[in-house]
């Protein structure tokens, strides 16, 4: 296990939600497996594709027809089930303490979930809802497209290169890379992707200093790169 120490400065921190701030794995996997069975799709392939992507992007990819109305209906149904089933939704270790230290104008959440689901999961996990919350309905194209992260930076009033992204999926890190932003991986590094600066398991590895007018972070790498 690596224990490298790295110090970074940024104007703003941008966070993915599921898998990055909130652990809702059990709930999401259960619902996607049911839908996969109904569609006759390989559940492992569906779960792998859905990571970091909007629900509609996944239902369109795996739906048996090109009918957008069916894909929209499936996405709405899945999201409704996820909103209703927030049992087991918890915050990633150290996330609340880090967010509480961040000035409201210096951070945002960029998630592939819809607005109702995003708010529900943040509240269920005991996390604050940010002033800037970019959800599936705010963008024309979801991750790995950079639109969401670029929109968050714009609304915060910072250039992309001054932002650091926390992510946990290949699609999310690719979105950050295309946006011209540095990224930090919140879980085992995405296979074959060398974009993240480092990998950390929990936010207890992050020391934040806001005294100089910007965000200084000292981080310890907790997991080996892949």
Protein backbone atom coordinates (compact mmCIF):
# COMPACT_ATOMS: atom_id res chain seq x y z
CA UNK A 1 0.00 0.00 0.00
CA UNK A 2 1.32 3.41 -0.98
CA UNK A 3 1.34 6.28 1.50
CA UNK A 4 2.53 9.11 -0.73
CA UNK A 5 1.79 12.66 0.42
CA UNK A 6 0.78 15.34 -2.05
CA UNK A 7 -0.11 19.02 -1.58
CA UNK A 8 -2.46 20.78 -4.00
CA UNK A 9 -4.07 24.20 -4.31
CA UNK A 10 -7.40 24.94 -5.99
CA UNK A 11 -10.04 27.61 -6.33
CA UNK A 12 -12.90 25.11 -6.01
CA UNK A 13 -13.62 21.44 -5.37
CA UNK A 14 -16.18 19.60 -7.48
CA UNK A 15 -17.63 16.31 -6.25
CA UNK A 16 -19.45 13.49 -7.93
CA UNK A 17 -22.15 12.10 -5.60
CA UNK A 18 -22.73 8.33 -5.74
CA UNK A 19 -19.58 6.47 -4.77
CA UNK A 20 -17.77 9.73 -4.08
CA UNK A 21 -19.74 11.48 -1.31
CA UNK A 22 -22.50 8.92 -0.80
CA UNK A 23 -22.44 5.13 -0.73
CA UNK A 24 -25.71 3.90 -2.23
CA UNK A 25 -24.24 0.83 -3.95
CA UNK A 26 -26.57 -1.77 -2.46
CA UNK A 27 -29.73 0.17 -3.35
CA UNK A 28 -28.67 0.96 -6.92
CA UNK A 29 -27.39 -2.52 -7.69
CA UNK A 30 -30.59 -4.15 -6.47
CA UNK A 31 -32.77 -1.97 -8.69
CA UNK A 32 -30.56 -2.23 -11.76
CA UNK A 33 -30.41 -6.03 -11.44
CA UNK A 34 -34.21 -6.25 -11.45
CA UNK A 35 -34.42 -4.02 -14.53
CA UNK A 36 -31.67 -6.00 -16.28
CA UNK A 37 -33.58 -9.23 -15.70
CA UNK A 38 -36.74 -7.71 -17.14
CA UNK A 39 -34.83 -6.60 -20.25
CA UNK A 40 -32.96 -9.85 -20.70
CA UNK A 41 -29.71 -7.93 -20.36
CA UNK A 42 -26.53 -9.04 -18.61
CA UNK A 43 -26.75 -7.39 -15.16
CA UNK A 44 -22.97 -7.16 -14.80
CA UNK A 45 -22.70 -5.34 -18.12
CA UNK A 46 -25.53 -2.99 -17.13
CA UNK A 47 -23.95 -2.23 -13.76
CA UNK A 48 -20.55 -1.60 -15.32
CA UNK A 49 -21.97 0.74 -17.96
CA UNK A 50 -24.20 2.64 -15.54
CA UNK A 51 -21.34 3.76 -13.28
CA UNK A 52 -21.07 7.53 -13.48
CA UNK A 53 -23.69 7.79 -16.23
CA UNK A 54 -27.20 9.19 -16.26
CA UNK A 55 -30.02 6.66 -15.85
CA UNK A 56 -31.46 7.60 -19.25
CA UNK A 57 -28.11 7.01 -20.96
CA UNK A 58 -28.07 3.48 -19.54
CA UNK A 59 -31.68 2.62 -20.35
CA UNK A 60 -31.21 3.88 -23.92
CA UNK A 61 -28.04 1.81 -24.29
CA UNK A 62 -29.60 -1.45 -23.11
CA UNK A 63 -33.26 -1.06 -24.12
CA UNK A 64 -34.21 -3.63 -26.80
CA UNK A 65 -35.60 -0.97 -29.16
CA UNK A 66 -34.70 2.55 -30.30
CA UNK A 67 -37.94 3.89 -28.83
CA UNK A 68 -36.88 6.92 -26.78
CA UNK A 69 -40.26 6.99 -25.03
CA UNK A 70 -39.64 3.51 -23.61
CA UNK A 71 -36.16 4.50 -22.47
CA UNK A 72 -37.53 7.65 -20.81
CA UNK A 73 -40.26 5.67 -19.05
CA UNK A 74 -37.75 3.11 -17.82
CA UNK A 75 -35.43 5.82 -16.54
CA UNK A 76 -38.28 7.56 -14.71
CA UNK A 77 -39.34 4.28 -13.11
CA UNK A 78 -35.82 3.39 -11.99
CA UNK A 79 -35.24 6.83 -10.50
CA UNK A 80 -38.59 6.68 -8.66
CA UNK A 81 -37.58 3.34 -7.16
CA UNK A 82 -34.22 4.76 -6.10
CA UNK A 83 -35.83 7.79 -4.47
CA UNK A 84 -38.18 5.54 -2.51
CA UNK A 85 -35.42 3.11 -1.47
CA UNK A 86 -32.84 5.21 0.38
CA UNK A 87 -32.23 2.55 3.03
CA UNK A 88 -28.53 1.87 3.39
CA UNK A 89 -27.52 5.24 1.95
CA UNK A 90 -24.57 6.52 3.98
CA UNK A 91 -21.90 9.19 3.69
CA UNK A 92 -18.35 8.26 2.73
CA UNK A 93 -16.10 8.48 5.78
CA UNK A 94 -14.95 12.03 6.46
CA UNK A 95 -17.15 13.60 3.75
CA UNK A 96 -19.30 15.66 6.15
CA UNK A 97 -16.30 17.07 8.00
CA UNK A 98 -14.63 18.12 4.74
CA UNK A 99 -17.77 19.72 3.27
CA UNK A 100 -18.45 21.60 6.51
CA UNK A 101 -15.02 23.24 6.22
CA UNK A 102 -15.50 24.35 2.62
CA UNK A 103 -16.85 27.85 1.92
CA UNK A 104 -20.22 27.51 0.18
CA UNK A 105 -18.96 29.39 -2.86
CA UNK A 106 -15.98 27.05 -3.31
CA UNK A 107 -17.62 23.68 -3.94
CA UNK A 108 -20.30 21.98 -6.01
CA UNK A 109 -21.75 18.55 -6.72
CA UNK A 110 -21.95 17.25 -10.28
CA UNK A 111 -24.01 14.08 -10.43
CA UNK A 112 -25.64 11.91 -13.07
CA UNK A 113 -28.70 11.55 -10.81
CA UNK A 114 -31.80 13.67 -11.26
CA UNK A 115 -32.45 16.60 -8.88
CA UNK A 116 -34.97 14.81 -6.65
CA UNK A 117 -32.77 11.73 -6.24
CA UNK A 118 -29.63 13.80 -5.66
CA UNK A 119 -31.26 15.86 -2.90
CA UNK A 120 -32.81 12.76 -1.34
CA UNK A 121 -29.51 10.88 -1.16
CA UNK A 122 -27.52 13.79 0.19
CA UNK A 123 -30.10 14.33 2.95
CA UNK A 124 -30.34 10.60 3.70
CA UNK A 125 -26.55 10.49 4.10
CA UNK A 126 -26.58 13.51 6.40
CA UNK A 127 -24.71 15.73 3.94
CA UNK A 128 -25.43 19.37 3.05
CA UNK A 129 -27.03 20.26 -0.27
CA UNK A 130 -24.62 22.60 -2.07
CA UNK A 131 -25.58 25.96 -3.52
CA UNK A 132 -24.40 24.65 -6.89
CA UNK A 133 -25.88 21.22 -7.63
CA UNK A 134 -25.56 20.06 -11.24
CA UNK A 135 -27.82 17.10 -12.00
CA UNK A 136 -28.89 15.05 -15.02
CA UNK A 137 -31.48 17.61 -16.06
CA UNK A 138 -28.96 20.45 -16.23
CA UNK A 139 -26.94 19.01 -19.10
CA UNK A 140 -27.65 17.86 -22.63
CA UNK A 141 -24.96 15.18 -22.47
CA UNK A 142 -23.88 13.24 -19.40
CA UNK A 143 -20.48 11.98 -18.31
CA UNK A 144 -17.96 11.21 -19.79
CA UNK A 145 -18.88 14.47 -21.55
CA UNK A 146 -17.37 17.42 -19.61
CA UNK A 147 -20.51 19.58 -19.80
CA UNK A 148 -21.53 19.09 -16.16
CA UNK A 149 -18.14 19.96 -14.71
CA UNK A 150 -17.71 22.95 -17.00
CA UNK A 151 -21.15 24.23 -15.99
CA UNK A 152 -20.30 23.87 -12.29
CA UNK A 153 -17.06 25.81 -12.73
CA UNK A 154 -18.89 28.53 -14.65
CA UNK A 155 -21.59 28.91 -12.00
CA UNK A 156 -18.97 29.08 -9.27
CA UNK A 157 -17.09 31.70 -11.27
CA UNK A 158 -13.78 29.85 -11.73
CA UNK A 159 -11.75 28.67 -14.69
CA UNK A 160 -11.70 24.87 -15.20
CA UNK A 161 -7.96 24.58 -14.53
CA UNK A 162 -8.52 26.00 -11.04
CA UNK A 163 -10.91 23.20 -10.07
CA UNK A 164 -10.17 19.78 -8.61
CA UNK A 165 -12.67 16.97 -9.15
CA UNK A 166 -13.34 14.06 -6.80
CA UNK A 167 -14.66 11.05 -8.71
CA UNK A 168 -14.91 7.26 -8.55
CA UNK A 169 -15.64 6.09 -12.11
CA UNK A 170 -13.92 6.05 -15.47
CA UNK A 171 -16.72 8.15 -17.00
CA UNK A 172 -16.33 10.76 -14.27
CA UNK A 173 -12.56 11.01 -14.53
CA UNK A 174 -12.81 11.21 -18.31
CA UNK A 175 -15.31 14.07 -17.95
CA UNK A 176 -12.89 15.89 -15.66
CA UNK A 177 -9.97 15.30 -18.03
CA UNK A 178 -11.94 16.64 -21.00
CA UNK A 179 -12.91 19.67 -18.92
CA UNK A 180 -9.23 20.43 -18.30
CA UNK A 181 -9.52 19.72 -14.59
CA UNK A 182 -7.37 17.69 -12.22
CA UNK A 183 -9.09 14.73 -10.58
CA UNK A 184 -8.67 12.64 -7.46
CA UNK A 185 -10.00 9.11 -7.28
CA UNK A 186 -12.21 8.21 -4.34
CA UNK A 187 -11.97 4.44 -4.86
CA UNK A 188 -9.89 1.80 -6.60
CA UNK A 189 -8.45 3.53 -9.66
CA UNK A 190 -10.49 2.94 -12.86
CA UNK A 191 -8.84 0.24 -14.94
CA UNK A 192 -6.60 1.58 -17.65
CA UNK A 193 -7.13 5.21 -16.70
CA UNK A 194 -4.16 7.23 -15.50
CA UNK A 195 -5.92 10.58 -15.18
CA UNK A 196 -6.39 10.79 -11.39
CA UNK A 197 -3.60 12.44 -9.43
CA UNK A 198 -3.96 9.89 -6.64
CA UNK A 199 -6.42 7.54 -4.98
CA UNK A 200 -7.94 7.82 -1.52
CA UNK A 201 -10.36 5.66 0.39
CA UNK A 202 -11.90 8.24 2.72
CA UNK A 203 -11.77 11.97 3.28
CA UNK A 204 -9.96 11.51 6.57
CA UNK A 205 -6.84 11.49 4.34
CA UNK A 206 -7.53 15.12 3.34
CA UNK A 207 -6.22 18.08 5.36
CA UNK A 208 -7.81 21.36 4.20
CA UNK A 209 -6.49 24.87 4.79
CA UNK A 210 -8.60 27.84 3.66
CA UNK A 211 -6.65 30.57 5.43
CA UNK A 212 -4.84 31.97 2.39
CA UNK A 213 -7.89 32.80 0.29
CA UNK A 214 -7.88 29.60 -1.76
CA UNK A 215 -8.05 25.89 -0.97
CA UNK A 216 -4.85 24.15 0.08
CA UNK A 217 -5.13 20.38 0.38
CA UNK A 218 -2.66 17.90 1.79
CA UNK A 219 -3.62 14.34 0.87
CA UNK A 220 -2.28 10.90 1.62
CA UNK A 221 -2.64 8.21 -1.01
CA UNK A 222 -4.32 5.19 0.60
CA UNK A 223 -4.67 2.71 -2.25
CA UNK A 224 -2.30 1.53 -4.96
CA UNK A 225 -2.73 2.83 -8.48
CA UNK A 226 -4.06 0.30 -10.99
